[in-house]
Amino acid sequence: MDVRHARAVNAARLWPAAVDLAERLAPLVARDAKDVASAIDVQRARNPYEPVKISLRPVARDIEADLPFVRMLGFLPRQHLATLYASADVCVFPSRTETCGLVALEAMSSGVAVVAADAGGFRESIRHDVTGVLVPPSDVHRYAQAIIDLAVDPARRFLLGAAARERALARDVEPENAELLTRYAELIGVTEQRSAA
């Protein structure tokens, strides 16, 4: 697959559908987000220390029923992600709990404009209106507007995507991992690192 060709075809053919999708999806997401939030609240009330487990399959079925041109891909093997990201024009990451922002960095490294929640690890990877667009986490209408804005402005998409790629490629995980280990060691009271024997 020639990724450059796929992007050009997608941009020419799909932007009107993307604008329509963003406008039609916002009310669905708002409704379903409330259902998901209620399920999370119920589970946390039962046991605040147990990880919250919810299924998004009912939400996905509703979206597919209301918007038959949307494909819910579910889990994909890592080797498929680079092609998928590179063939996209915009990637949207609404998670409020993304700890490291790695999914955004994967998309950014493919030179794709990113819209993400102004929360968690996305704040470390994305500079608002420089390397992507950060949106208040619960504001589905702002997500829709950010998608529409990028859909109708290919020059801005290109600039954000190019800056995002530079930012992603400049990240070096070694110092980040070392800092994380140091902080963990401080938390448990270990002051010196032991060498492997």
N, C-alpha and C. Protein backbone atom coordinates (compact mmCIF):
# COMPACT_ATOMS: atom_id res chain seq x y z
N MET A 1 0.85 -1.19 0.00
CA MET A 1 0.00 0.00 0.00
C MET A 1 0.88 1.24 0.00
N ASP A 2 0.64 2.13 -0.91
CA ASP A 2 1.35 3.40 -0.94
C ASP A 2 0.62 4.37 -0.02
N VAL A 3 1.20 4.61 1.14
CA VAL A 3 0.55 5.41 2.17
C VAL A 3 0.29 6.82 1.68
N ARG A 4 1.23 7.41 0.92
CA ARG A 4 1.01 8.77 0.42
C ARG A 4 -0.22 8.84 -0.45
N HIS A 5 -0.42 7.83 -1.30
CA HIS A 5 -1.59 7.79 -2.17
C HIS A 5 -2.86 7.63 -1.33
N ALA A 6 -2.81 6.78 -0.33
CA ALA A 6 -3.98 6.55 0.52
C ALA A 6 -4.39 7.85 1.21
N ARG A 7 -3.43 8.62 1.68
CA ARG A 7 -3.77 9.89 2.34
C ARG A 7 -4.42 10.85 1.37
N ALA A 8 -3.89 10.93 0.13
CA ALA A 8 -4.47 11.84 -0.85
C ALA A 8 -5.90 11.42 -1.21
N VAL A 9 -6.10 10.13 -1.39
CA VAL A 9 -7.43 9.63 -1.72
C VAL A 9 -8.38 9.91 -0.55
N ASN A 10 -7.93 9.60 0.65
CA ASN A 10 -8.78 9.84 1.82
C ASN A 10 -9.15 11.31 1.95
N ALA A 11 -8.18 12.19 1.76
CA ALA A 11 -8.44 13.61 1.91
C ALA A 11 -9.46 14.09 0.89
N ALA A 12 -9.32 13.65 -0.35
CA ALA A 12 -10.22 14.11 -1.41
C ALA A 12 -11.62 13.55 -1.24
N ARG A 13 -11.74 12.30 -0.84
CA ARG A 13 -13.02 11.62 -0.82
C ARG A 13 -13.76 11.71 0.51
N LEU A 14 -13.04 11.78 1.62
CA LEU A 14 -13.67 11.56 2.90
C LEU A 14 -13.92 12.81 3.74
N TRP A 15 -13.36 13.98 3.38
CA TRP A 15 -13.55 15.12 4.27
C TRP A 15 -14.99 15.54 4.43
N PRO A 16 -15.81 15.57 3.36
CA PRO A 16 -17.22 15.89 3.61
C PRO A 16 -17.87 14.89 4.58
N ALA A 17 -17.52 13.63 4.44
CA ALA A 17 -18.06 12.61 5.36
C ALA A 17 -17.53 12.83 6.77
N ALA A 18 -16.29 13.27 6.90
CA ALA A 18 -15.70 13.49 8.23
C ALA A 18 -16.41 14.63 8.95
N VAL A 19 -16.72 15.70 8.22
CA VAL A 19 -17.44 16.82 8.83
C VAL A 19 -18.82 16.35 9.26
N ASP A 20 -19.50 15.63 8.38
CA ASP A 20 -20.82 15.09 8.70
C ASP A 20 -20.73 14.16 9.91
N LEU A 21 -19.71 13.30 9.92
CA LEU A 21 -19.52 12.37 11.03
C LEU A 21 -19.35 13.12 12.34
N ALA A 22 -18.50 14.13 12.36
CA ALA A 22 -18.24 14.87 13.59
C ALA A 22 -19.52 15.51 14.10
N GLU A 23 -20.31 16.09 13.19
CA GLU A 23 -21.54 16.74 13.61
C GLU A 23 -22.57 15.73 14.12
N ARG A 24 -22.65 14.56 13.48
CA ARG A 24 -23.64 13.56 13.86
C ARG A 24 -23.19 12.73 15.06
N LEU A 25 -21.88 12.61 15.26
CA LEU A 25 -21.37 11.78 16.33
C LEU A 25 -21.42 12.47 17.69
N ALA A 26 -21.31 13.79 17.73
CA ALA A 26 -21.26 14.52 19.00
C ALA A 26 -22.43 14.19 19.92
N PRO A 27 -23.69 14.23 19.45
CA PRO A 27 -24.78 13.89 20.38
C PRO A 27 -24.74 12.43 20.83
N LEU A 28 -24.31 11.52 19.93
CA LEU A 28 -24.22 10.11 20.31
C LEU A 28 -23.17 9.91 21.38
N VAL A 29 -22.03 10.55 21.19
CA VAL A 29 -20.95 10.42 22.16
C VAL A 29 -21.38 11.01 23.49
N ALA A 30 -22.07 12.14 23.46
CA ALA A 30 -22.52 12.76 24.70
C ALA A 30 -23.45 11.82 25.45
N ARG A 31 -24.40 11.22 24.74
CA ARG A 31 -25.34 10.29 25.37
C ARG A 31 -24.59 9.08 25.92
N ASP A 32 -23.73 8.48 25.09
CA ASP A 32 -23.03 7.27 25.50
C ASP A 32 -21.99 7.55 26.57
N ALA A 33 -21.38 8.73 26.54
CA ALA A 33 -20.40 9.08 27.57
C ALA A 33 -21.06 9.12 28.94
N LYS A 34 -22.30 9.61 28.97
CA LYS A 34 -23.02 9.64 30.25
C LYS A 34 -23.29 8.22 30.73
N ASP A 35 -23.67 7.32 29.82
CA ASP A 35 -23.90 5.92 30.19
C ASP A 35 -22.63 5.28 30.72
N VAL A 36 -21.50 5.51 30.03
CA VAL A 36 -20.22 4.95 30.46
C VAL A 36 -19.82 5.54 31.81
N ALA A 37 -19.97 6.85 31.96
CA ALA A 37 -19.62 7.50 33.23
C ALA A 37 -20.46 6.93 34.37
N SER A 38 -21.74 6.69 34.12
CA SER A 38 -22.60 6.10 35.15
C SER A 38 -22.12 4.71 35.53
N ALA A 39 -21.75 3.90 34.53
CA ALA A 39 -21.25 2.55 34.81
C ALA A 39 -19.97 2.60 35.63
N ILE A 40 -19.10 3.53 35.32
CA ILE A 40 -17.84 3.68 36.07
C ILE A 40 -18.14 4.08 37.51
N ASP A 41 -19.06 5.04 37.69
CA ASP A 41 -19.42 5.48 39.05
C ASP A 41 -19.97 4.33 39.88
N VAL A 42 -20.83 3.50 39.28
CA VAL A 42 -21.41 2.36 39.99
C VAL A 42 -20.31 1.40 40.41
N GLN A 43 -19.39 1.08 39.50
CA GLN A 43 -18.32 0.13 39.83
C GLN A 43 -17.38 0.70 40.89
N ARG A 44 -17.07 1.99 40.80
CA ARG A 44 -16.18 2.59 41.80
C ARG A 44 -16.84 2.62 43.18
N ALA A 45 -18.18 2.81 43.22
CA ALA A 45 -18.89 2.82 44.50
C ALA A 45 -18.85 1.44 45.15
N ARG A 46 -18.90 0.39 44.33
CA ARG A 46 -18.84 -0.97 44.88
C ARG A 46 -17.49 -1.26 45.50
N ASN A 47 -16.43 -0.91 44.79
CA ASN A 47 -15.08 -1.17 45.28
C ASN A 47 -14.12 -0.15 44.64
N PRO A 48 -13.77 0.90 45.39
CA PRO A 48 -12.94 1.96 44.81
C PRO A 48 -11.52 1.52 44.47
N TYR A 49 -11.09 0.35 44.96
CA TYR A 49 -9.72 -0.10 44.72
C TYR A 49 -9.60 -1.10 43.58
N GLU A 50 -10.72 -1.52 43.05
CA GLU A 50 -10.70 -2.49 41.96
C GLU A 50 -10.69 -1.74 40.62
N PRO A 51 -9.87 -2.19 39.67
CA PRO A 51 -9.87 -1.52 38.36
C PRO A 51 -11.27 -1.57 37.73
N VAL A 52 -11.64 -0.49 37.08
CA VAL A 52 -12.95 -0.41 36.45
C VAL A 52 -12.90 -1.15 35.12
N LYS A 53 -13.88 -2.02 34.92
CA LYS A 53 -13.96 -2.78 33.67
C LYS A 53 -15.33 -2.53 33.06
N ILE A 54 -15.34 -2.00 31.86
CA ILE A 54 -16.61 -1.80 31.16
C ILE A 54 -16.44 -2.26 29.72
N SER A 55 -17.55 -2.60 29.11
CA SER A 55 -17.54 -3.00 27.70
C SER A 55 -18.09 -1.87 26.86
N LEU A 56 -17.38 -1.53 25.82
CA LEU A 56 -17.85 -0.50 24.90
C LEU A 56 -18.60 -1.10 23.72
N ARG A 57 -18.79 -2.42 23.72
CA ARG A 57 -19.48 -3.06 22.59
C ARG A 57 -20.88 -2.49 22.36
N PRO A 58 -21.70 -2.28 23.42
CA PRO A 58 -23.02 -1.69 23.15
C PRO A 58 -22.93 -0.30 22.53
N VAL A 59 -21.98 0.50 22.99
CA VAL A 59 -21.79 1.83 22.42
C VAL A 59 -21.38 1.71 20.95
N ALA A 60 -20.47 0.79 20.67
CA ALA A 60 -20.02 0.59 19.29
C ALA A 60 -21.18 0.16 18.40
N ARG A 61 -22.03 -0.73 18.91
CA ARG A 61 -23.19 -1.18 18.12
C ARG A 61 -24.12 -0.01 17.83
N ASP A 62 -24.35 0.87 18.81
CA ASP A 62 -25.21 2.03 18.59
C ASP A 62 -24.62 2.95 17.53
N ILE A 63 -23.32 3.19 17.62
CA ILE A 63 -22.67 4.07 16.64
C ILE A 63 -22.76 3.46 15.25
N GLU A 64 -22.48 2.18 15.12
CA GLU A 64 -22.56 1.52 13.82
C GLU A 64 -23.98 1.55 13.27
N ALA A 65 -24.98 1.40 14.15
CA ALA A 65 -26.37 1.43 13.69
C ALA A 65 -26.77 2.83 13.22
N ASP A 66 -26.34 3.85 13.96
CA ASP A 66 -26.70 5.23 13.61
C ASP A 66 -25.86 5.79 12.47
N LEU A 67 -24.63 5.29 12.33
CA LEU A 67 -23.71 5.80 11.31
C LEU A 67 -23.10 4.61 10.57
N PRO A 68 -23.82 4.02 9.61
CA PRO A 68 -23.37 2.78 8.97
C PRO A 68 -22.06 2.91 8.19
N PHE A 69 -21.62 4.11 7.89
CA PHE A 69 -20.35 4.27 7.17
C PHE A 69 -19.15 4.28 8.10
N VAL A 70 -19.37 4.17 9.41
CA VAL A 70 -18.28 4.13 10.39
C VAL A 70 -17.92 2.67 10.64
N ARG A 71 -16.62 2.39 10.64
CA ARG A 71 -16.13 1.04 10.95
C ARG A 71 -15.45 1.06 12.30
N MET A 72 -15.92 0.22 13.21
CA MET A 72 -15.30 0.08 14.52
C MET A 72 -14.27 -1.04 14.39
N LEU A 73 -13.01 -0.72 14.44
CA LEU A 73 -11.96 -1.69 14.15
C LEU A 73 -11.58 -2.55 15.36
N GLY A 74 -11.84 -2.06 16.56
CA GLY A 74 -11.46 -2.84 17.73
C GLY A 74 -9.94 -2.96 17.85
N PHE A 75 -9.49 -4.01 18.51
CA PHE A 75 -8.06 -4.23 18.70
C PHE A 75 -7.39 -4.56 17.37
N LEU A 76 -6.26 -3.94 17.13
CA LEU A 76 -5.46 -4.24 15.93
C LEU A 76 -4.04 -4.57 16.35
N PRO A 77 -3.39 -5.52 15.68
CA PRO A 77 -1.99 -5.81 15.97
C PRO A 77 -1.13 -4.58 15.68
N ARG A 78 -0.07 -4.42 16.45
CA ARG A 78 0.79 -3.25 16.34
C ARG A 78 1.29 -3.00 14.91
N GLN A 79 1.59 -4.06 14.17
CA GLN A 79 2.14 -3.87 12.83
C GLN A 79 1.14 -3.21 11.88
N HIS A 80 -0.14 -3.25 12.19
CA HIS A 80 -1.16 -2.60 11.35
C HIS A 80 -1.35 -1.13 11.70
N LEU A 81 -0.92 -0.72 12.88
CA LEU A 81 -1.19 0.63 13.35
C LEU A 81 -0.48 1.69 12.53
N ALA A 82 0.78 1.47 12.17
CA ALA A 82 1.53 2.48 11.42
C ALA A 82 0.83 2.79 10.10
N THR A 83 0.38 1.77 9.40
CA THR A 83 -0.33 1.98 8.13
C THR A 83 -1.65 2.69 8.37
N LEU A 84 -2.35 2.29 9.40
CA LEU A 84 -3.63 2.93 9.71
C LEU A 84 -3.43 4.40 10.05
N TYR A 85 -2.48 4.70 10.94
CA TYR A 85 -2.20 6.10 11.29
C TYR A 85 -1.79 6.90 10.06
N ALA A 86 -0.89 6.34 9.27
CA ALA A 86 -0.37 7.08 8.12
C ALA A 86 -1.44 7.33 7.06
N SER A 87 -2.47 6.51 7.02
CA SER A 87 -3.53 6.72 6.03
C SER A 87 -4.63 7.63 6.56
N ALA A 88 -4.54 8.03 7.81
CA ALA A 88 -5.53 8.93 8.41
C ALA A 88 -5.13 10.38 8.16
N ASP A 89 -6.10 11.25 8.24
CA ASP A 89 -5.83 12.68 8.15
C ASP A 89 -5.85 13.34 9.52
N VAL A 90 -6.64 12.79 10.43
CA VAL A 90 -6.73 13.27 11.80
C VAL A 90 -6.94 12.05 12.69
N CYS A 91 -6.25 12.02 13.82
CA CYS A 91 -6.49 10.98 14.82
C CYS A 91 -7.03 11.67 16.08
N VAL A 92 -8.07 11.08 16.65
CA VAL A 92 -8.73 11.66 17.82
C VAL A 92 -8.58 10.70 18.99
N PHE A 93 -8.09 11.24 20.11
CA PHE A 93 -7.85 10.44 21.31
C PHE A 93 -8.56 11.11 22.50
N PRO A 94 -9.78 10.67 22.82
CA PRO A 94 -10.53 11.33 23.89
C PRO A 94 -10.28 10.79 25.29
N SER A 95 -9.37 9.83 25.46
CA SER A 95 -9.16 9.22 26.77
C SER A 95 -8.71 10.25 27.80
N ARG A 96 -9.38 10.23 28.96
CA ARG A 96 -8.99 11.11 30.06
C ARG A 96 -7.93 10.46 30.94
N THR A 97 -7.66 9.17 30.70
CA THR A 97 -6.78 8.44 31.60
C THR A 97 -5.53 7.91 30.91
N GLU A 98 -5.23 8.38 29.73
CA GLU A 98 -4.02 7.94 29.03
C GLU A 98 -2.81 8.40 29.83
N THR A 99 -2.07 7.46 30.34
CA THR A 99 -0.98 7.82 31.27
C THR A 99 0.24 8.39 30.57
N CYS A 100 0.64 7.80 29.46
CA CYS A 100 1.88 8.24 28.80
C CYS A 100 1.66 8.95 27.48
N GLY A 101 0.50 8.86 26.92
CA GLY A 101 0.24 9.49 25.64
C GLY A 101 0.90 8.77 24.47
N LEU A 102 1.19 7.48 24.64
CA LEU A 102 1.90 6.75 23.59
C LEU A 102 1.08 6.60 22.32
N VAL A 103 -0.23 6.45 22.45
CA VAL A 103 -1.05 6.31 21.24
C VAL A 103 -0.96 7.58 20.41
N ALA A 104 -0.96 8.72 21.06
CA ALA A 104 -0.82 9.99 20.33
C ALA A 104 0.56 10.08 19.69
N LEU A 105 1.59 9.67 20.41
CA LEU A 105 2.95 9.71 19.84
C LEU A 105 3.07 8.81 18.62
N GLU A 106 2.40 7.66 18.64
CA GLU A 106 2.43 6.77 17.47
C GLU A 106 1.81 7.47 16.27
N ALA A 107 0.68 8.11 16.47
CA ALA A 107 0.04 8.84 15.37
C ALA A 107 0.90 10.03 14.94
N MET A 108 1.42 10.74 15.91
CA MET A 108 2.26 11.91 15.61
C MET A 108 3.49 11.52 14.80
N SER A 109 4.07 10.37 15.11
CA SER A 109 5.28 9.94 14.37
C SER A 109 4.97 9.63 12.92
N SER A 110 3.68 9.42 12.60
CA SER A 110 3.27 9.21 11.21
C SER A 110 2.93 10.53 10.52
N GLY A 111 3.09 11.65 11.23
CA GLY A 111 2.83 12.95 10.63
C GLY A 111 1.35 13.29 10.52
N VAL A 112 0.57 12.78 11.46
CA VAL A 112 -0.88 12.99 11.44
C VAL A 112 -1.27 14.05 12.47
N ALA A 113 -2.19 14.92 12.10
CA ALA A 113 -2.74 15.89 13.05
C ALA A 113 -3.51 15.13 14.12
N VAL A 114 -3.32 15.53 15.37
CA VAL A 114 -3.91 14.83 16.51
C VAL A 114 -4.82 15.77 17.28
N VAL A 115 -6.01 15.26 17.65
CA VAL A 115 -6.92 15.93 18.58
C VAL A 115 -7.00 15.01 19.79
N ALA A 116 -6.71 15.55 20.98
CA ALA A 116 -6.67 14.70 22.18
C ALA A 116 -7.21 15.44 23.39
N ALA A 117 -7.55 14.65 24.41
CA ALA A 117 -8.03 15.21 25.67
C ALA A 117 -6.90 15.99 26.33
N ASP A 118 -7.25 17.14 26.87
CA ASP A 118 -6.29 17.94 27.62
C ASP A 118 -6.18 17.33 29.02
N ALA A 119 -5.55 16.16 29.06
CA ALA A 119 -5.47 15.39 30.31
C ALA A 119 -4.34 14.39 30.21
N GLY A 120 -3.88 13.94 31.37
CA GLY A 120 -2.92 12.85 31.44
C GLY A 120 -1.67 13.08 30.60
N GLY A 121 -1.19 11.98 30.03
CA GLY A 121 0.05 11.99 29.28
C GLY A 121 0.00 12.77 27.97
N PHE A 122 -1.19 13.05 27.47
CA PHE A 122 -1.27 13.84 26.23
C PHE A 122 -0.64 15.21 26.42
N ARG A 123 -0.75 15.76 27.62
CA ARG A 123 -0.18 17.09 27.88
C ARG A 123 1.34 17.10 27.74
N GLU A 124 1.97 15.95 27.98
CA GLU A 124 3.43 15.88 27.85
C GLU A 124 3.87 15.79 26.39
N SER A 125 3.03 15.21 25.55
CA SER A 125 3.40 14.98 24.16
C SER A 125 2.92 16.07 23.21
N ILE A 126 1.79 16.68 23.53
CA ILE A 126 1.14 17.60 22.60
C ILE A 126 1.19 19.02 23.14
N ARG A 127 1.68 19.93 22.32
CA ARG A 127 1.59 21.36 22.62
C ARG A 127 0.41 21.90 21.82
N HIS A 128 -0.58 22.43 22.53
CA HIS A 128 -1.82 22.87 21.91
C HIS A 128 -1.56 23.86 20.76
N ASP A 129 -2.15 23.57 19.63
CA ASP A 129 -2.06 24.37 18.40
C ASP A 129 -0.64 24.46 17.84
N VAL A 130 0.27 23.62 18.34
CA VAL A 130 1.61 23.55 17.78
C VAL A 130 1.85 22.14 17.22
N THR A 131 1.66 21.13 18.06
CA THR A 131 1.86 19.74 17.62
C THR A 131 0.55 18.95 17.64
N GLY A 132 -0.55 19.61 17.93
CA GLY A 132 -1.85 18.97 17.97
C GLY A 132 -2.86 19.89 18.62
N VAL A 133 -4.04 19.38 18.83
CA VAL A 133 -5.11 20.16 19.45
C VAL A 133 -5.54 19.45 20.72
N LEU A 134 -5.50 20.17 21.84
CA LEU A 134 -5.97 19.63 23.11
C LEU A 134 -7.37 20.19 23.38
N VAL A 135 -8.26 19.30 23.83
CA VAL A 135 -9.67 19.64 24.02
C VAL A 135 -10.05 19.30 25.46
N PRO A 136 -10.90 20.12 26.09
CA PRO A 136 -11.37 19.74 27.43
C PRO A 136 -11.96 18.33 27.38
N PRO A 137 -11.55 17.46 28.28
CA PRO A 137 -11.87 16.03 28.18
C PRO A 137 -13.33 15.66 28.01
N SER A 138 -14.24 16.39 28.60
CA SER A 138 -15.65 16.00 28.55
C SER A 138 -16.48 16.80 27.56
N ASP A 139 -15.86 17.64 26.78
CA ASP A 139 -16.59 18.55 25.90
C ASP A 139 -16.69 17.97 24.48
N VAL A 140 -17.71 17.14 24.26
CA VAL A 140 -17.83 16.47 22.96
C VAL A 140 -18.04 17.46 21.82
N HIS A 141 -18.66 18.59 22.12
CA HIS A 141 -18.88 19.58 21.06
C HIS A 141 -17.56 20.23 20.63
N ARG A 142 -16.64 20.42 21.58
CA ARG A 142 -15.32 20.96 21.23
C ARG A 142 -14.52 19.95 20.41
N TYR A 143 -14.68 18.65 20.72
CA TYR A 143 -14.05 17.62 19.89
C TYR A 143 -14.58 17.73 18.46
N ALA A 144 -15.90 17.77 18.33
CA ALA A 144 -16.51 17.85 17.00
C ALA A 144 -16.01 19.09 16.27
N GLN A 145 -15.95 20.24 16.97
CA GLN A 145 -15.49 21.47 16.32
C GLN A 145 -14.02 21.37 15.92
N ALA A 146 -13.19 20.76 16.76
CA ALA A 146 -11.77 20.60 16.42
C ALA A 146 -11.61 19.73 15.18
N ILE A 147 -12.40 18.66 15.08
CA ILE A 147 -12.33 17.78 13.91
C ILE A 147 -12.78 18.54 12.67
N ILE A 148 -13.89 19.27 12.78
CA ILE A 148 -14.38 20.04 11.64
C ILE A 148 -13.36 21.09 11.21
N ASP A 149 -12.78 21.80 12.18
CA ASP A 149 -11.78 22.83 11.86
C ASP A 149 -10.61 22.24 11.08
N LEU A 150 -10.15 21.08 11.50
CA LEU A 150 -9.04 20.44 10.77
C LEU A 150 -9.49 19.88 9.42
N ALA A 151 -10.74 19.44 9.35
CA ALA A 151 -11.25 18.89 8.10
C ALA A 151 -11.29 19.94 6.99
N VAL A 152 -11.58 21.16 7.36
CA VAL A 152 -11.72 22.21 6.34
C VAL A 152 -10.45 23.03 6.15
N ASP A 153 -9.38 22.69 6.85
CA ASP A 153 -8.14 23.47 6.76
C ASP A 153 -6.94 22.54 6.55
N PRO A 154 -6.71 22.10 5.29
CA PRO A 154 -5.61 21.17 5.04
C PRO A 154 -4.24 21.75 5.35
N ALA A 155 -4.07 23.05 5.22
CA ALA A 155 -2.76 23.65 5.53
C ALA A 155 -2.46 23.52 7.02
N ARG A 156 -3.46 23.77 7.85
CA ARG A 156 -3.26 23.63 9.30
C ARG A 156 -3.01 22.17 9.67
N ARG A 157 -3.76 21.25 9.04
CA ARG A 157 -3.52 19.82 9.29
C ARG A 157 -2.08 19.46 8.97
N PHE A 158 -1.59 19.95 7.83
CA PHE A 158 -0.22 19.65 7.42
C PHE A 158 0.78 20.21 8.43
N LEU A 159 0.60 21.47 8.83
CA LEU A 159 1.54 22.09 9.78
C LEU A 159 1.54 21.35 11.13
N LEU A 160 0.36 21.04 11.63
CA LEU A 160 0.28 20.29 12.90
C LEU A 160 0.92 18.91 12.75
N GLY A 161 0.63 18.24 11.64
CA GLY A 161 1.19 16.90 11.41
C GLY A 161 2.70 16.92 11.31
N ALA A 162 3.24 17.92 10.60
CA ALA A 162 4.70 18.02 10.46
C ALA A 162 5.36 18.31 11.81
N ALA A 163 4.79 19.25 12.56
CA ALA A 163 5.34 19.57 13.88
C ALA A 163 5.19 18.38 14.83
N ALA A 164 4.08 17.67 14.71
CA ALA A 164 3.85 16.49 15.55
C ALA A 164 4.91 15.42 15.27
N ARG A 165 5.20 15.21 13.99
CA ARG A 165 6.22 14.21 13.63
C ARG A 165 7.58 14.58 14.21
N GLU A 166 7.97 15.85 14.07
CA GLU A 166 9.25 16.30 14.64
C GLU A 166 9.29 16.06 16.14
N ARG A 167 8.20 16.40 16.82
CA ARG A 167 8.13 16.24 18.28
C ARG A 167 8.24 14.76 18.67
N ALA A 168 7.51 13.91 17.96
CA ALA A 168 7.52 12.48 18.29
C ALA A 168 8.90 11.87 18.05
N LEU A 169 9.54 12.24 16.97
CA LEU A 169 10.85 11.67 16.66
C LEU A 169 11.94 12.20 17.60
N ALA A 170 11.71 13.37 18.18
CA ALA A 170 12.69 13.95 19.10
C ALA A 170 12.62 13.34 20.50
N ARG A 171 11.51 12.66 20.81
CA ARG A 171 11.37 12.07 22.14
C ARG A 171 12.38 10.95 22.32
N ASP A 172 13.01 10.94 23.48
CA ASP A 172 13.98 9.90 23.82
C ASP A 172 13.49 9.21 25.09
N VAL A 173 13.13 7.95 24.97
CA VAL A 173 12.54 7.25 26.11
C VAL A 173 13.56 6.91 27.20
N GLU A 174 14.82 6.81 26.86
CA GLU A 174 15.82 6.42 27.87
C GLU A 174 15.84 7.38 29.07
N PRO A 175 16.00 8.70 28.87
CA PRO A 175 15.98 9.58 30.04
C PRO A 175 14.62 9.58 30.75
N GLU A 176 13.54 9.44 29.99
CA GLU A 176 12.21 9.39 30.61
C GLU A 176 12.09 8.16 31.49
N ASN A 177 12.55 7.02 31.01
CA ASN A 177 12.50 5.79 31.81
C ASN A 177 13.39 5.90 33.04
N ALA A 178 14.57 6.47 32.88
CA ALA A 178 15.47 6.63 34.02
C ALA A 178 14.84 7.53 35.08
N GLU A 179 14.21 8.63 34.65
CA GLU A 179 13.55 9.52 35.60
C GLU A 179 12.40 8.81 36.32
N LEU A 180 11.64 8.03 35.59
CA LEU A 180 10.53 7.29 36.19
C LEU A 180 11.05 6.31 37.25
N LEU A 181 12.12 5.57 36.93
CA LEU A 181 12.70 4.63 37.90
C LEU A 181 13.22 5.36 39.14
N THR A 182 13.83 6.52 38.93
CA THR A 182 14.34 7.31 40.05
C THR A 182 13.18 7.74 40.95
N ARG A 183 12.10 8.19 40.35
CA ARG A 183 10.95 8.62 41.16
C ARG A 183 10.33 7.44 41.92
N TYR A 184 10.23 6.29 41.27
CA TYR A 184 9.72 5.11 41.97
C TYR A 184 10.65 4.76 43.14
N ALA A 185 11.94 4.80 42.91
CA ALA A 185 12.89 4.48 43.97
C ALA A 185 12.74 5.44 45.15
N GLU A 186 12.55 6.73 44.85
CA GLU A 186 12.36 7.71 45.91
C GLU A 186 11.09 7.41 46.71
N LEU A 187 10.03 7.01 46.01
CA LEU A 187 8.77 6.73 46.68
C LEU A 187 8.86 5.56 47.65
N ILE A 188 9.67 4.57 47.31
CA ILE A 188 9.78 3.40 48.20
C ILE A 188 10.99 3.50 49.12
N GLY A 189 11.70 4.62 49.05
CA GLY A 189 12.79 4.85 49.99
C GLY A 189 14.13 4.27 49.59
N VAL A 190 14.29 3.90 48.34
CA VAL A 190 15.59 3.39 47.87
C VAL A 190 16.37 4.60 47.36
N THR A 191 17.56 4.82 47.93
CA THR A 191 18.32 6.01 47.54
C THR A 191 19.43 5.72 46.55
N GLU A 192 19.87 4.48 46.44
CA GLU A 192 20.91 4.18 45.47
C GLU A 192 20.46 3.03 44.59
N GLN A 193 20.88 3.07 43.35
CA GLN A 193 20.51 2.02 42.42
C GLN A 193 21.48 0.86 42.57
N ARG A 194 20.94 -0.33 42.56
CA ARG A 194 21.78 -1.53 42.63
C ARG A 194 22.11 -1.97 41.23
N SER A 195 23.33 -2.38 41.03
CA SER A 195 23.71 -2.89 39.71
C SER A 195 23.37 -4.36 39.64
N ALA A 196 23.07 -4.80 38.41
CA ALA A 196 22.73 -6.22 38.21
C ALA A 196 23.98 -7.07 38.41
N ALA A 197 23.83 -8.16 39.13
CA ALA A 197 24.99 -9.01 39.41
C ALA A 197 25.09 -10.12 38.42
